Amino acid sequence: MKVSELMSPDPACCTMGDSAHKAAVIMRELNVGIIPVVDSEEGGKLLGVVTDRDLCMKVVADGKDPKAMHLEDCMTTAVVTCAPDDDVETVMHLMQENQVRRIPVVGKENRIEGIVSTADIVLCGELAAEEIDETMRDISEPNFEEFEHLTHLNVKTIES
């Protein structure tokens, strides 16, 4: 099965000059956790994404004003993408390898065409339960490196 058959097409987008508040409102209204950030409303060339986690970690936790903060200051620019004609297995591998649950789907000239999520993959019914389980385990593996700067926390991994 191809990504184009299961992705959510034509996602709502923002531009780099839009506020974090605007992105959060769109997320709430559409019940999504990711907004592609594009060069212009008409152009649709993907420049990055802003996720609910970006807003939490880079705006709220830092005490920034979401109405004053532009997305260019809180978005993720190192974005894993896929193409509409990629197969589901390829996308699952990208999700596992990069520990992401949602991947923007881009076409020619890096123009946004959709978003594919783990939920889309699970609901398509094309994959065995074992494949889905492995993907979810890999995506969910804790990454404590991003918290190393927080020396006041006693972060440990739990061995099973």
Protein backbone atom coordinates (compact mmCIF):
# COMPACT_ATOMS: atom_id res chain seq x y z
CA MET A 1 0.00 0.00 0.00
CA LYS A 2 1.24 3.48 -0.88
CA VAL A 3 1.36 6.44 1.50
CA SER A 4 -0.99 8.40 -0.79
CA GLU A 5 -3.72 5.85 -0.06
CA LEU A 6 -3.70 6.36 3.71
CA MET A 7 -2.27 9.82 4.43
CA SER A 8 -4.35 12.75 5.61
CA PRO A 9 -4.23 14.99 2.52
CA ASP A 10 -3.93 18.79 2.34
CA PRO A 11 -3.06 19.51 5.96
CA ALA A 12 -3.59 22.93 7.52
CA CYS A 13 -0.30 24.84 7.37
CA CYS A 14 1.33 27.90 8.88
CA THR A 15 4.18 30.14 7.79
CA MET A 16 7.33 31.01 9.73
CA GLY A 17 5.93 34.43 10.62
CA ASP A 18 2.78 33.00 12.19
CA SER A 19 2.59 32.93 15.98
CA ALA A 20 2.89 29.88 18.19
CA HIS A 21 -0.59 30.78 19.44
CA LYS A 22 -2.05 30.50 15.93
CA ALA A 23 -0.49 27.05 15.49
CA ALA A 24 -1.83 25.91 18.86
CA VAL A 25 -5.34 27.11 18.02
CA ILE A 26 -5.26 25.23 14.71
CA MET A 27 -4.05 22.09 16.50
CA ARG A 28 -6.89 22.35 18.99
CA GLU A 29 -9.55 23.03 16.36
CA LEU A 30 -8.42 20.17 14.10
CA ASN A 31 -7.38 17.80 16.90
CA VAL A 32 -3.88 17.33 15.44
CA GLY A 33 -0.42 17.41 16.95
CA ILE A 34 1.60 18.68 14.01
CA ILE A 35 1.37 21.64 11.65
CA PRO A 36 3.61 21.90 8.58
CA VAL A 37 5.40 25.23 8.27
CA VAL A 38 5.58 26.34 4.63
CA ASP A 39 7.15 29.20 2.69
CA SER A 40 3.77 30.76 1.84
CA GLU A 41 0.10 29.90 1.91
CA GLU A 42 0.12 29.63 -1.88
CA GLY A 43 3.53 27.97 -2.32
CA GLY A 44 3.31 25.15 0.15
CA LYS A 45 7.05 24.39 0.15
CA LEU A 46 7.85 22.62 3.43
CA LEU A 47 10.35 24.49 5.64
CA GLY A 48 9.72 22.63 8.88
CA VAL A 49 7.01 21.54 11.28
CA VAL A 50 5.71 22.65 14.62
CA THR A 51 4.44 19.97 16.97
CA ASP A 52 2.52 20.06 20.21
CA ARG A 53 5.80 19.04 21.87
CA ASP A 54 7.66 21.98 20.26
CA LEU A 55 5.06 24.36 21.66
CA CYS A 56 5.26 22.79 25.10
CA MET A 57 9.05 22.61 25.34
CA LYS A 58 10.09 25.77 23.48
CA VAL A 59 7.27 28.14 24.33
CA VAL A 60 5.28 27.15 27.43
CA ALA A 61 8.12 25.60 29.48
CA ASP A 62 10.37 28.58 28.72
CA GLY A 63 7.68 31.06 29.77
CA LYS A 64 7.47 32.68 26.34
CA ASP A 65 4.42 34.56 25.10
CA PRO A 66 2.80 32.34 22.42
CA LYS A 67 1.20 35.35 20.73
CA ALA A 68 4.57 37.08 20.38
CA MET A 69 6.68 34.05 19.47
CA HIS A 70 6.99 33.33 15.76
CA LEU A 71 7.10 29.75 14.52
CA GLU A 72 10.55 30.30 13.03
CA ASP A 73 11.78 30.46 16.65
CA CYS A 74 10.14 27.26 17.87
CA MET A 75 9.65 24.98 14.87
CA THR A 76 11.61 21.86 14.00
CA THR A 77 13.59 22.22 10.79
CA ALA A 78 15.25 18.80 10.69
CA VAL A 79 12.18 17.04 9.34
CA VAL A 80 11.87 13.46 8.16
CA THR A 81 9.64 13.33 5.08
CA CYS A 82 8.31 10.74 2.70
CA ALA A 83 6.80 10.75 -0.79
CA PRO A 84 3.23 9.89 -1.76
CA ASP A 85 4.41 6.83 -3.69
CA ASP A 86 6.50 5.40 -0.81
CA ASP A 87 5.17 2.15 0.59
CA VAL A 88 3.92 1.71 4.14
CA GLU A 89 6.91 -0.43 5.15
CA THR A 90 9.31 2.36 4.16
CA VAL A 91 7.40 4.88 6.26
CA MET A 92 7.25 2.53 9.24
CA HIS A 93 11.02 2.14 9.03
CA LEU A 94 11.45 5.94 8.95
CA MET A 95 9.22 6.27 12.01
CA GLN A 96 11.19 3.62 13.90
CA GLU A 97 14.59 4.97 12.94
CA ASN A 98 13.73 8.58 13.76
CA GLN A 99 11.35 7.99 16.67
CA VAL A 100 8.53 10.02 15.16
CA ARG A 101 4.80 9.31 15.02
CA ARG A 102 3.93 11.64 12.14
CA ILE A 103 5.71 12.29 8.85
CA PRO A 104 4.95 15.03 6.33
CA VAL A 105 4.32 13.75 2.81
CA VAL A 106 5.97 15.93 0.17
CA GLY A 107 5.77 15.89 -3.59
CA LYS A 108 7.62 17.81 -6.27
CA GLU A 109 9.77 20.70 -5.10
CA ASN A 110 9.20 19.66 -1.47
CA ARG A 111 5.56 20.81 -1.55
CA ILE A 112 3.40 19.50 1.27
CA GLU A 113 0.75 17.00 0.18
CA GLY A 114 -0.25 15.36 3.43
CA ILE A 115 0.69 13.86 6.78
CA VAL A 116 0.96 10.16 7.55
CA SER A 117 0.72 9.03 11.17
CA THR A 118 1.08 5.82 13.10
CA ALA A 119 -2.71 5.83 13.49
CA ASP A 120 -3.11 5.94 9.69
CA ILE A 121 -0.82 2.93 9.38
CA VAL A 122 -2.56 0.93 12.10
CA LEU A 123 -6.00 1.67 10.68
CA CYS A 124 -5.06 0.69 7.11
CA GLY A 125 -5.03 -2.96 8.20
CA GLU A 126 -2.19 -3.90 5.83
CA LEU A 127 0.44 -4.79 8.43
CA ALA A 128 0.81 -7.65 10.85
CA ALA A 129 0.34 -6.91 14.54
CA GLU A 130 3.99 -7.83 15.17
CA GLU A 131 5.20 -5.15 12.73
CA ILE A 132 3.01 -2.53 14.34
CA ASP A 133 4.13 -3.58 17.82
CA GLU A 134 7.81 -3.35 16.85
CA THR A 135 7.32 0.09 15.31
CA MET A 136 5.51 1.44 18.38
CA ARG A 137 8.18 0.05 20.71
CA ASP A 138 10.98 1.64 18.67
CA ILE A 139 9.20 5.00 18.42
CA SER A 140 8.49 5.02 22.15
CA GLU A 141 12.02 4.15 23.30
CA PRO A 142 13.04 6.91 25.74
CA ASN A 143 15.73 9.34 24.59
CA PHE A 144 17.30 10.72 27.73
CA GLU A 145 20.02 12.62 25.84
CA GLU A 146 17.71 15.59 25.39
CA PHE A 147 17.44 15.91 29.19
CA GLU A 148 21.16 15.72 30.03
CA HIS A 149 21.30 19.49 30.63
CA LEU A 150 18.82 19.09 33.49
CA THR A 151 21.38 18.07 36.10
CA HIS A 152 18.96 18.54 38.98
CA LEU A 153 16.91 15.56 37.75
CA ASN A 154 17.87 12.03 38.59
CA VAL A 155 17.07 10.39 35.24
CA LYS A 156 17.70 6.66 35.04
CA THR A 157 16.71 3.97 32.66
CA ILE A 158 14.80 1.05 34.07
CA GLU A 159 16.20 -2.29 33.08
CA SER A 160 13.64 -5.01 32.46
